[in-house]
Each structure stands twice: as C-alpha cells, then as structure tokens.
Amino acid sequence: MKKLTLPLTVQDLTDLHAGDSVLLSGTIYTARDCAHKRLFALLDEHAPLPFDLNNAVIYYAGPCPAPAGKACGSCGFAVGRDGAERKSGSVRCTEIA
C-alpha cells in the first residue's frame, strides 16, 4: 500500500503503476457532470476557479439510490457520457495529469 499526501507531486505520480493500492490523505474534491461543465466554462473564460485544482484529486462520482429509510445512498465511481472530453479537459485543470 502506497501512502500519499495530497496535493500530489510529480514524484508521487512517477512512482505509481497500474494496479497499485494507494491510501490518500488530504483534500479530495468530488464532482458530477454539472460541476465539470462549470469548471471548464470558467477555464474557457479565463475566470478564476472557486478552488485551486493544481495537483488536486477529483473523484468523479455518481450517487447510488438511497436505501429505504435513509436520506441518501452511497457515492460510487461514475463514468460520464463525455468521458473523453472530460479527460482531455482535466489536463488543462492541473499541472500534473
């Protein structure tokens, strides 16, 4: 298990390989389609972002239905319809991709 403290560095990413298990400590932003669309619009307008995304981690998540009697369900990984566009756009958001 590799332990990483956020925000990430280039060295952190250089040492990772597909299949590695990691434990992340620090701030992880969670966002859905609308949030990504708003962030990219701000970038296209050269407007400031609401928070610093340099070297940040974004967990693209989709909610699961709430179980009976619960206010909300768990949050699971989601793949958006425009994943290729989002992937190329995310490179613009961060110094390391």
PDB file of N, CA and C in Angstrom:
ATOM      1  N   MET A   1       0.850  -1.178   0.000  1.00  0.00           N
ATOM      2  CA  MET A   1       0.000   0.000   0.000  1.00  0.00           C
ATOM      3  C   MET A   1       0.894   1.239   0.000  1.00  0.00           C
ATOM      4  N   LYS A   2       0.672   2.115  -0.984  1.00  0.00           N
ATOM      5  CA  LYS A   2       1.425   3.366  -1.038  1.00  0.00           C
ATOM      6  C   LYS A   2       0.604   4.452  -0.370  1.00  0.00           C
ATOM      7  N   LYS A   3       1.224   5.203   0.521  1.00  0.00           N
ATOM      8  CA  LYS A   3       0.551   6.283   1.226  1.00  0.00           C
ATOM      9  C   LYS A   3       0.969   7.605   0.596  1.00  0.00           C
ATOM     10  N   LEU A   4      -0.023   8.376   0.151  1.00  0.00           N
ATOM     11  CA  LEU A   4       0.236   9.663  -0.488  1.00  0.00           C
ATOM     12  C   LEU A   4      -0.516  10.758   0.228  1.00  0.00           C
ATOM     13  N   THR A   5       0.144  11.892   0.404  1.00  0.00           N
ATOM     14  CA  THR A   5      -0.482  13.059   0.992  1.00  0.00           C
ATOM     15  C   THR A   5      -0.774  14.046  -0.136  1.00  0.00           C
ATOM     16  N   LEU A   6      -2.008  14.529  -0.155  1.00  0.00           N
ATOM     17  CA  LEU A   6      -2.440  15.474  -1.183  1.00  0.00           C
ATOM     18  C   LEU A   6      -2.145  16.900  -0.743  1.00  0.00           C
ATOM     19  N   PRO A   7      -1.875  17.803  -1.677  1.00  0.00           N
ATOM     20  CA  PRO A   7      -1.868  17.621  -3.121  1.00  0.00           C
ATOM     21  C   PRO A   7      -0.670  16.786  -3.580  1.00  0.00           C
ATOM     22  N   LEU A   8      -0.831  16.188  -4.758  1.00  0.00           N
ATOM     23  CA  LEU A   8       0.185  15.300  -5.315  1.00  0.00           C
ATOM     24  C   LEU A   8       1.369  16.063  -5.893  1.00  0.00           C
ATOM     25  N   THR A   9       2.468  15.368  -6.023  1.00  0.00           N
ATOM     26  CA  THR A   9       3.646  15.919  -6.694  1.00  0.00           C
ATOM     27  C   THR A   9       3.947  15.063  -7.917  1.00  0.00           C
ATOM     28  N   VAL A  10       4.797  15.560  -8.785  1.00  0.00           N
ATOM     29  CA  VAL A  10       5.212  14.790  -9.957  1.00  0.00           C
ATOM     30  C   VAL A  10       5.853  13.489  -9.509  1.00  0.00           C
ATOM     31  N   GLN A  11       6.657  13.520  -8.458  1.00  0.00           N
ATOM     32  CA  GLN A  11       7.314  12.312  -7.954  1.00  0.00           C
ATOM     33  C   GLN A  11       6.293  11.280  -7.485  1.00  0.00           C
ATOM     34  N   ASP A  12       5.213  11.747  -6.837  1.00  0.00           N
ATOM     35  CA  ASP A  12       4.160  10.820  -6.404  1.00  0.00           C
ATOM     36  C   ASP A  12       3.633  10.022  -7.587  1.00  0.00           C
ATOM     37  N   LEU A  13       3.372  10.700  -8.685  1.00  0.00           N
ATOM     38  CA  LEU A  13       2.799  10.042  -9.858  1.00  0.00           C
ATOM     39  C   LEU A  13       3.819   9.181 -10.579  1.00  0.00           C
ATOM     40  N   THR A  14       5.065   9.596 -10.576  1.00  0.00           N
ATOM     41  CA  THR A  14       6.118   8.833 -11.236  1.00  0.00           C
ATOM     42  C   THR A  14       6.275   7.461 -10.590  1.00  0.00           C
ATOM     43  N   ASP A  15       6.071   7.406  -9.286  1.00  0.00           N
ATOM     44  CA  ASP A  15       6.255   6.158  -8.545  1.00  0.00           C
ATOM     45  C   ASP A  15       5.044   5.226  -8.597  1.00  0.00           C
ATOM     46  N   LEU A  16       3.919   5.674  -9.193  1.00  0.00           N
ATOM     47  CA  LEU A  16       2.714   4.840  -9.248  1.00  0.00           C
ATOM     48  C   LEU A  16       2.679   3.987 -10.512  1.00  0.00           C
ATOM     49  N   HIS A  17       2.081   2.809 -10.378  1.00  0.00           N
ATOM     50  CA  HIS A  17       1.908   1.905 -11.513  1.00  0.00           C
ATOM     51  C   HIS A  17       0.472   1.387 -11.509  1.00  0.00           C
ATOM     52  N   ALA A  18      -0.036   1.041 -12.672  1.00  0.00           N
ATOM     53  CA  ALA A  18      -1.390   0.491 -12.775  1.00  0.00           C
ATOM     54  C   ALA A  18      -1.530  -0.674 -11.807  1.00  0.00           C
ATOM     55  N   GLY A  19      -2.619  -0.669 -11.054  1.00  0.00           N
ATOM     56  CA  GLY A  19      -2.872  -1.747 -10.102  1.00  0.00           C
ATOM     57  C   GLY A  19      -2.363  -1.484  -8.702  1.00  0.00           C
ATOM     58  N   ASP A  20      -1.571  -0.418  -8.508  1.00  0.00           N
ATOM     59  CA  ASP A  20      -1.082  -0.098  -7.168  1.00  0.00           C
ATOM     60  C   ASP A  20      -2.252   0.259  -6.253  1.00  0.00           C
ATOM     61  N   SER A  21      -2.175  -0.167  -5.007  1.00  0.00           N
ATOM     62  CA  SER A  21      -3.125   0.260  -3.985  1.00  0.00           C
ATOM     63  C   SER A  21      -2.564   1.493  -3.319  1.00  0.00           C
ATOM     64  N   VAL A  22      -3.408   2.515  -3.158  1.00  0.00           N
ATOM     65  CA  VAL A  22      -2.940   3.753  -2.530  1.00  0.00           C
ATOM     66  C   VAL A  22      -3.896   4.179  -1.429  1.00  0.00           C
ATOM     67  N   LEU A  23      -3.335   4.830  -0.442  1.00  0.00           N
ATOM     68  CA  LEU A  23      -4.093   5.446   0.629  1.00  0.00           C
ATOM     69  C   LEU A  23      -3.847   6.944   0.502  1.00  0.00           C
ATOM     70  N   LEU A  24      -4.917   7.692   0.212  1.00  0.00           N
ATOM     71  CA  LEU A  24      -4.786   9.134   0.034  1.00  0.00           C
ATOM     72  C   LEU A  24      -5.174   9.852   1.311  1.00  0.00           C
ATOM     73  N   SER A  25      -4.379  10.840   1.677  1.00  0.00           N
ATOM     74  CA  SER A  25      -4.654  11.657   2.854  1.00  0.00           C
ATOM     75  C   SER A  25      -4.633  13.113   2.424  1.00  0.00           C
ATOM     76  N   GLY A  26      -5.721  13.814   2.673  1.00  0.00           N
ATOM     77  CA  GLY A  26      -5.803  15.215   2.278  1.00  0.00           C
ATOM     78  C   GLY A  26      -7.151  15.510   1.652  1.00  0.00           C
ATOM     79  N   THR A  27      -7.242  16.601   0.942  1.00  0.00           N
ATOM     80  CA  THR A  27      -8.493  17.035   0.339  1.00  0.00           C
ATOM     81  C   THR A  27      -8.700  16.371  -1.016  1.00  0.00           C
ATOM     82  N   ILE A  28      -9.855  15.727  -1.173  1.00  0.00           N
ATOM     83  CA  ILE A  28     -10.270  15.146  -2.452  1.00  0.00           C
ATOM     84  C   ILE A  28     -11.579  15.821  -2.831  1.00  0.00           C
ATOM     85  N   TYR A  29     -11.619  16.427  -4.001  1.00  0.00           N
ATOM     86  CA  TYR A  29     -12.828  17.072  -4.480  1.00  0.00           C
ATOM     87  C   TYR A  29     -13.705  16.042  -5.172  1.00  0.00           C
ATOM     88  N   THR A  30     -14.998  16.120  -4.940  1.00  0.00           N
ATOM     89  CA  THR A  30     -15.961  15.236  -5.578  1.00  0.00           C
ATOM     90  C   THR A  30     -16.844  16.085  -6.472  1.00  0.00           C
ATOM     91  N   ALA A  31     -17.040  15.637  -7.720  1.00  0.00           N
ATOM     92  CA  ALA A  31     -17.823  16.435  -8.659  1.00  0.00           C
ATOM     93  C   ALA A  31     -18.567  15.541  -9.640  1.00  0.00           C
ATOM     94  N   ARG A  32     -19.714  16.015 -10.096  1.00  0.00           N
ATOM     95  CA  ARG A  32     -20.521  15.340 -11.107  1.00  0.00           C
ATOM     96  C   ARG A  32     -20.463  16.142 -12.404  1.00  0.00           C
ATOM     97  N   ASP A  33     -21.241  15.716 -13.402  1.00  0.00           N
ATOM     98  CA  ASP A  33     -21.239  16.336 -14.729  1.00  0.00           C
ATOM     99  C   ASP A  33     -21.348  17.857 -14.691  1.00  0.00           C
ATOM    100  N   CYS A  34     -22.338  18.363 -13.977  1.00  0.00           N
ATOM    101  CA  CYS A  34     -22.576  19.811 -13.958  1.00  0.00           C
ATOM    102  C   CYS A  34     -21.388  20.572 -13.395  1.00  0.00           C
ATOM    103  N   ALA A  35     -20.766  20.026 -12.376  1.00  0.00           N
ATOM    104  CA  ALA A  35     -19.603  20.699 -11.786  1.00  0.00           C
ATOM    105  C   ALA A  35     -18.452  20.757 -12.789  1.00  0.00           C
ATOM    106  N   HIS A  36     -18.209  19.673 -13.510  1.00  0.00           N
ATOM    107  CA  HIS A  36     -17.144  19.668 -14.518  1.00  0.00           C
ATOM    108  C   HIS A  36     -17.451  20.676 -15.621  1.00  0.00           C
ATOM    109  N   LYS A  37     -18.701  20.731 -16.044  1.00  0.00           N
ATOM    110  CA  LYS A  37     -19.110  21.669 -17.090  1.00  0.00           C
ATOM    111  C   LYS A  37     -18.863  23.113 -16.636  1.00  0.00           C
ATOM    112  N   ARG A  38     -19.194  23.420 -15.391  1.00  0.00           N
ATOM    113  CA  ARG A  38     -18.975  24.768 -14.864  1.00  0.00           C
ATOM    114  C   ARG A  38     -17.491  25.089 -14.755  1.00  0.00           C
ATOM    115  N   LEU A  39     -16.690  24.124 -14.307  1.00  0.00           N
ATOM    116  CA  LEU A  39     -15.243  24.353 -14.201  1.00  0.00           C
ATOM    117  C   LEU A  39     -14.634  24.629 -15.573  1.00  0.00           C
ATOM    118  N   PHE A  40     -15.022  23.828 -16.587  1.00  0.00           N
ATOM    119  CA  PHE A  40     -14.470  24.023 -17.926  1.00  0.00           C
ATOM    120  C   PHE A  40     -14.916  25.352 -18.518  1.00  0.00           C
ATOM    121  N   ALA A  41     -16.148  25.774 -18.233  1.00  0.00           N
ATOM    122  CA  ALA A  41     -16.620  27.075 -18.707  1.00  0.00           C
ATOM    123  C   ALA A  41     -15.776  28.193 -18.101  1.00  0.00           C
ATOM    124  N   LEU A  42     -15.477  28.093 -16.809  1.00  0.00           N
ATOM    125  CA  LEU A  42     -14.626  29.091 -16.159  1.00  0.00           C
ATOM    126  C   LEU A  42     -13.231  29.105 -16.778  1.00  0.00           C
ATOM    127  N   LEU A  43     -12.675  27.944 -17.044  1.00  0.00           N
ATOM    128  CA  LEU A  43     -11.351  27.865 -17.675  1.00  0.00           C
ATOM    129  C   LEU A  43     -11.371  28.503 -19.061  1.00  0.00           C
ATOM    130  N   ASP A  44     -12.417  28.202 -19.841  1.00  0.00           N
ATOM    131  CA  ASP A  44     -12.522  28.771 -21.183  1.00  0.00           C
ATOM    132  C   ASP A  44     -12.648  30.289 -21.149  1.00  0.00           C
ATOM    133  N   GLU A  45     -13.260  30.820 -20.098  1.00  0.00           N
ATOM    134  CA  GLU A  45     -13.424  32.268 -19.929  1.00  0.00           C
ATOM    135  C   GLU A  45     -12.211  32.912 -19.259  1.00  0.00           C
ATOM    136  N   HIS A  46     -11.221  32.096 -18.907  1.00  0.00           N
ATOM    137  CA  HIS A  46     -10.038  32.567 -18.162  1.00  0.00           C
ATOM    138  C   HIS A  46     -10.450  33.220 -16.848  1.00  0.00           C
ATOM    139  N   ALA A  47     -11.525  32.724 -16.266  1.00  0.00           N
ATOM    140  CA  ALA A  47     -12.013  33.215 -14.982  1.00  0.00           C
ATOM    141  C   ALA A  47     -11.390  32.383 -13.864  1.00  0.00           C
ATOM    142  N   PRO A  48     -11.307  32.947 -12.659  1.00  0.00           N
ATOM    143  CA  PRO A  48     -10.740  32.170 -11.549  1.00  0.00           C
ATOM    144  C   PRO A  48     -11.652  31.010 -11.168  1.00  0.00           C
ATOM    145  N   LEU A  49     -11.045  29.918 -10.773  1.00  0.00           N
ATOM    146  CA  LEU A  49     -11.803  28.763 -10.296  1.00  0.00           C
ATOM    147  C   LEU A  49     -12.172  28.975  -8.839  1.00  0.00           C
ATOM    148  N   PRO A  50     -13.228  28.322  -8.371  1.00  0.00           N
ATOM    149  CA  PRO A  50     -13.632  28.517  -6.973  1.00  0.00           C
ATOM    150  C   PRO A  50     -12.659  27.922  -5.961  1.00  0.00           C
ATOM    151  N   PHE A  51     -11.764  27.049  -6.425  1.00  0.00           N
ATOM    152  CA  PHE A  51     -10.728  26.471  -5.564  1.00  0.00           C
ATOM    153  C   PHE A  51      -9.568  26.063  -6.453  1.00  0.00           C
ATOM    154  N   ASP A  52      -8.399  25.892  -5.864  1.00  0.00           N
ATOM    155  CA  ASP A  52      -7.188  25.572  -6.611  1.00  0.00           C
ATOM    156  C   ASP A  52      -7.168  24.095  -6.983  1.00  0.00           C
ATOM    157  N   LEU A  53      -7.136  23.806  -8.289  1.00  0.00           N
ATOM    158  CA  LEU A  53      -7.109  22.424  -8.751  1.00  0.00           C
ATOM    159  C   LEU A  53      -5.712  21.949  -9.116  1.00  0.00           C
ATOM    160  N   ASN A  54      -4.716  22.807  -9.002  1.00  0.00           N
ATOM    161  CA  ASN A  54      -3.353  22.376  -9.333  1.00  0.00           C
ATOM    162  C   ASN A  54      -2.942  21.226  -8.421  1.00  0.00           C
ATOM    163  N   ASN A  55      -2.567  20.115  -9.053  1.00  0.00           N
ATOM    164  CA  ASN A  55      -2.106  18.911  -8.353  1.00  0.00           C
ATOM    165  C   ASN A  55      -3.174  18.285  -7.463  1.00  0.00           C
ATOM    166  N   ALA A  56      -4.431  18.647  -7.685  1.00  0.00           N
ATOM    167  CA  ALA A  56      -5.532  18.148  -6.865  1.00  0.00           C
ATOM    168  C   ALA A  56      -6.056  16.816  -7.405  1.00  0.00           C
ATOM    169  N   VAL A  57      -6.852  16.163  -6.587  1.00  0.00           N
ATOM    170  CA  VAL A  57      -7.517  14.923  -6.973  1.00  0.00           C
ATOM    171  C   VAL A  57      -9.014  15.202  -7.035  1.00  0.00           C
ATOM    172  N   ILE A  58      -9.636  14.808  -8.161  1.00  0.00           N
ATOM    173  CA  ILE A  58     -11.085  14.923  -8.300  1.00  0.00           C
ATOM    174  C   ILE A  58     -11.646  13.512  -8.448  1.00  0.00           C
ATOM    175  N   TYR A  59     -12.582  13.179  -7.594  1.00  0.00           N
ATOM    176  CA  TYR A  59     -13.275  11.899  -7.649  1.00  0.00           C
ATOM    177  C   TYR A  59     -14.581  12.144  -8.382  1.00  0.00           C
ATOM    178  N   TYR A  60     -14.670  11.666  -9.611  1.00  0.00           N
ATOM    179  CA  TYR A  60     -15.883  11.842 -10.403  1.00  0.00           C
ATOM    180  C   TYR A  60     -16.875  10.795  -9.940  1.00  0.00           C
ATOM    181  N   ALA A  61     -17.893  11.220  -9.209  1.00  0.00           N
ATOM    182  CA  ALA A  61     -18.763  10.273  -8.532  1.00  0.00           C
ATOM    183  C   ALA A  61     -20.217  10.426  -8.925  1.00  0.00           C
ATOM    184  N   GLY A  62     -20.916   9.328  -8.880  1.00  0.00           N
ATOM    185  CA  GLY A  62     -22.352   9.314  -9.102  1.00  0.00           C
ATOM    186  C   GLY A  62     -23.040   8.740  -7.880  1.00  0.00           C
ATOM    187  N   PRO A  63     -24.140   9.344  -7.463  1.00  0.00           N
ATOM    188  CA  PRO A  63     -24.837   8.828  -6.280  1.00  0.00           C
ATOM    189  C   PRO A  63     -25.573   7.537  -6.585  1.00  0.00           C
ATOM    190  N   CYS A  64     -25.688   6.705  -5.590  1.00  0.00           N
ATOM    191  CA  CYS A  64     -26.486   5.486  -5.685  1.00  0.00           C
ATOM    192  C   CYS A  64     -27.826   5.772  -5.017  1.00  0.00           C
ATOM    193  N   PRO A  65     -28.884   5.090  -5.409  1.00  0.00           N
ATOM    194  CA  PRO A  65     -30.196   5.326  -4.781  1.00  0.00           C
ATOM    195  C   PRO A  65     -30.134   5.117  -3.266  1.00  0.00           C
ATOM    196  N   ALA A  66     -30.923   5.917  -2.572  1.00  0.00           N
ATOM    197  CA  ALA A  66     -30.985   5.804  -1.113  1.00  0.00           C
ATOM    198  C   ALA A  66     -31.736   4.551  -0.708  1.00  0.00           C
ATOM    199  N   PRO A  67     -31.199   3.791   0.260  1.00  0.00           N
ATOM    200  CA  PRO A  67     -31.945   2.638   0.770  1.00  0.00           C
ATOM    201  C   PRO A  67     -33.194   3.121   1.536  1.00  0.00           C
ATOM    202  N   ALA A  68     -34.159   2.274   1.674  1.00  0.00           N
ATOM    203  CA  ALA A  68     -35.386   2.626   2.399  1.00  0.00           C
ATOM    204  C   ALA A  68     -35.042   3.181   3.785  1.00  0.00           C
ATOM    205  N   GLY A  69     -35.605   4.315   4.108  1.00  0.00           N
ATOM    206  CA  GLY A  69     -35.411   4.920   5.410  1.00  0.00           C
ATOM    207  C   GLY A  69     -34.143   5.751   5.547  1.00  0.00           C
ATOM    208  N   LYS A  70     -33.348   5.863   4.484  1.00  0.00           N
ATOM    209  CA  LYS A  70     -32.106   6.641   4.534  1.00  0.00           C
ATOM    210  C   LYS A  70     -32.254   7.910   3.688  1.00  0.00           C
ATOM    211  N   ALA A  71     -31.566   8.973   4.089  1.00  0.00           N
ATOM    212  CA  ALA A  71     -31.644  10.241   3.368  1.00  0.00           C
ATOM    213  C   ALA A  71     -30.933  10.181   2.018  1.00  0.00           C
ATOM    214  N   CYS A  72     -29.859   9.417   1.948  1.00  0.00           N
ATOM    215  CA  CYS A  72     -29.123   9.322   0.691  1.00  0.00           C
ATOM    216  C   CYS A  72     -28.402   7.987   0.623  1.00  0.00           C
ATOM    217  N   GLY A  73     -27.984   7.648  -0.590  1.00  0.00           N
ATOM    218  CA  GLY A  73     -27.247   6.416  -0.784  1.00  0.00           C
ATOM    219  C   GLY A  73     -25.755   6.667  -0.743  1.00  0.00           C
ATOM    220  N   SER A  74     -25.015   5.618  -0.989  1.00  0.00           N
ATOM    221  CA  SER A  74     -23.560   5.757  -1.022  1.00  0.00           C
ATOM    222  C   SER A  74     -23.152   6.487  -2.301  1.00  0.00           C
ATOM    223  N   CYS A  75     -21.914   6.829  -2.392  1.00  0.00           N
ATOM    224  CA  CYS A  75     -21.401   7.537  -3.552  1.00  0.00           C
ATOM    225  C   CYS A  75     -20.422   6.606  -4.260  1.00  0.00           C
ATOM    226  N   GLY A  76     -20.676   6.331  -5.519  1.00  0.00           N
ATOM    227  CA  GLY A  76     -19.829   5.398  -6.245  1.00  0.00           C
ATOM    228  C   GLY A  76     -19.215   6.041  -7.467  1.00  0.00           C
ATOM    229  N   PHE A  77     -18.169   5.422  -7.988  1.00  0.00           N
ATOM    230  CA  PHE A  77     -17.497   5.909  -9.179  1.00  0.00           C
ATOM    231  C   PHE A  77     -18.468   5.923 -10.342  1.00  0.00           C
ATOM    232  N   ALA A  78     -18.402   6.940 -11.171  1.00  0.00           N
ATOM    233  CA  ALA A  78     -19.281   7.057 -12.332  1.00  0.00           C
ATOM    234  C   ALA A  78     -18.457   7.420 -13.555  1.00  0.00           C
ATOM    235  N   VAL A  79     -18.935   7.016 -14.708  1.00  0.00           N
ATOM    236  CA  VAL A  79     -18.310   7.381 -15.979  1.00  0.00           C
ATOM    237  C   VAL A  79     -19.311   8.215 -16.742  1.00  0.00           C
ATOM    238  N   GLY A  80     -18.943   9.446 -17.064  1.00  0.00           N
ATOM    239  CA  GLY A  80     -19.845  10.334 -17.791  1.00  0.00           C
ATOM    240  C   GLY A  80     -19.926   9.994 -19.263  1.00  0.00           C
ATOM    241  N   ARG A  81     -20.963  10.507 -19.902  1.00  0.00           N
ATOM    242  CA  ARG A  81     -21.152  10.269 -21.327  1.00  0.00           C
ATOM    243  C   ARG A  81     -20.052  10.898 -22.152  1.00  0.00           C
ATOM    244  N   ASP A  82     -19.483  11.985 -21.670  1.00  0.00           N
ATOM    245  CA  ASP A  82     -18.431  12.683 -22.425  1.00  0.00           C
ATOM    246  C   ASP A  82     -17.078  12.495 -21.758  1.00  0.00           C
ATOM    247  N   GLY A  83     -16.774  11.284 -21.313  1.00  0.00           N
ATOM    248  CA  GLY A  83     -15.549  10.993 -20.577  1.00  0.00           C
ATOM    249  C   GLY A  83     -14.285  11.380 -21.314  1.00  0.00           C
ATOM    250  N   ALA A  84     -14.244  11.184 -22.640  1.00  0.00           N
ATOM    251  CA  ALA A  84     -13.035  11.533 -23.391  1.00  0.00           C
ATOM    252  C   ALA A  84     -12.786  13.027 -23.340  1.00  0.00           C
ATOM    253  N   GLU A  85     -13.853  13.807 -23.473  1.00  0.00           N
ATOM    254  CA  GLU A  85     -13.701  15.265 -23.409  1.00  0.00           C
ATOM    255  C   GLU A  85     -13.266  15.697 -22.022  1.00  0.00           C
ATOM    256  N   ARG A  86     -13.864  15.096 -20.987  1.00  0.00           N
ATOM    257  CA  ARG A  86     -13.520  15.448 -19.610  1.00  0.00           C
ATOM    258  C   ARG A  86     -12.075  15.085 -19.322  1.00  0.00           C
ATOM    259  N   LYS A  87     -11.624  13.937 -19.817  1.00  0.00           N
ATOM    260  CA  LYS A  87     -10.249  13.512 -19.572  1.00  0.00           C
ATOM    261  C   LYS A  87      -9.274  14.509 -20.181  1.00  0.00           C
ATOM    262  N   SER A  88      -9.502  14.926 -21.418  1.00  0.00           N
ATOM    263  CA  SER A  88      -8.586  15.880 -22.029  1.00  0.00           C
ATOM    264  C   SER A  88      -8.682  17.230 -21.339  1.00  0.00           C
ATOM    265  N   GLY A  89      -9.885  17.600 -20.884  1.00  0.00           N
ATOM    266  CA  GLY A  89     -10.046  18.866 -20.185  1.00  0.00           C
ATOM    267  C   GLY A  89      -9.384  18.877 -18.829  1.00  0.00           C
ATOM    268  N   SER A  90      -9.347  17.722 -18.169  1.00  0.00           N
ATOM    269  CA  SER A  90      -8.767  17.686 -16.835  1.00  0.00           C
ATOM    270  C   SER A  90      -7.273  17.975 -16.878  1.00  0.00           C
ATOM    271  N   VAL A  91      -6.645  17.706 -18.013  1.00  0.00           N
ATOM    272  CA  VAL A  91      -5.231  18.047 -18.156  1.00  0.00           C
ATOM    273  C   VAL A  91      -5.050  19.553 -18.071  1.00  0.00           C
ATOM    274  N   ARG A  92      -6.040  20.290 -18.568  1.00  0.00           N
ATOM    275  CA  ARG A  92      -5.956  21.753 -18.525  1.00  0.00           C
ATOM    276  C   ARG A  92      -6.085  22.264 -17.095  1.00  0.00           C
ATOM    277  N   CYS A  93      -6.767  21.511 -16.231  1.00  0.00           N
ATOM    278  CA  CYS A  93      -7.037  21.964 -14.871  1.00  0.00           C
ATOM    279  C   CYS A  93      -5.855  21.813 -13.937  1.00  0.00           C
ATOM    280  N   THR A  94      -4.968  20.929 -14.257  1.00  0.00           N
ATOM    281  CA  THR A  94      -3.895  20.618 -13.312  1.00  0.00           C
ATOM    282  C   THR A  94      -2.535  20.691 -13.969  1.00  0.00           C
ATOM    283  N   GLU A  95      -1.530  20.850 -13.159  1.00  0.00           N
ATOM    284  CA  GLU A  95      -0.166  20.850 -13.676  1.00  0.00           C
ATOM    285  C   GLU A  95       0.307  19.435 -13.955  1.00  0.00           C
ATOM    286  N   ILE A  96      -0.201  18.475 -13.217  1.00  0.00           N
ATOM    287  CA  ILE A  96       0.137  17.076 -13.482  1.00  0.00           C
ATOM    288  C   ILE A  96      -1.143  16.359 -13.831  1.00  0.00           C
ATOM    289  N   ALA A  97      -1.050  15.515 -14.839  1.00  0.00           N
ATOM    290  CA  ALA A  97      -2.269  14.804 -15.269  1.00  0.00           C
ATOM    291  C   ALA A  97      -2.023  13.311 -15.246  1.00  0.00           C
TER     292      ALA A  97
END
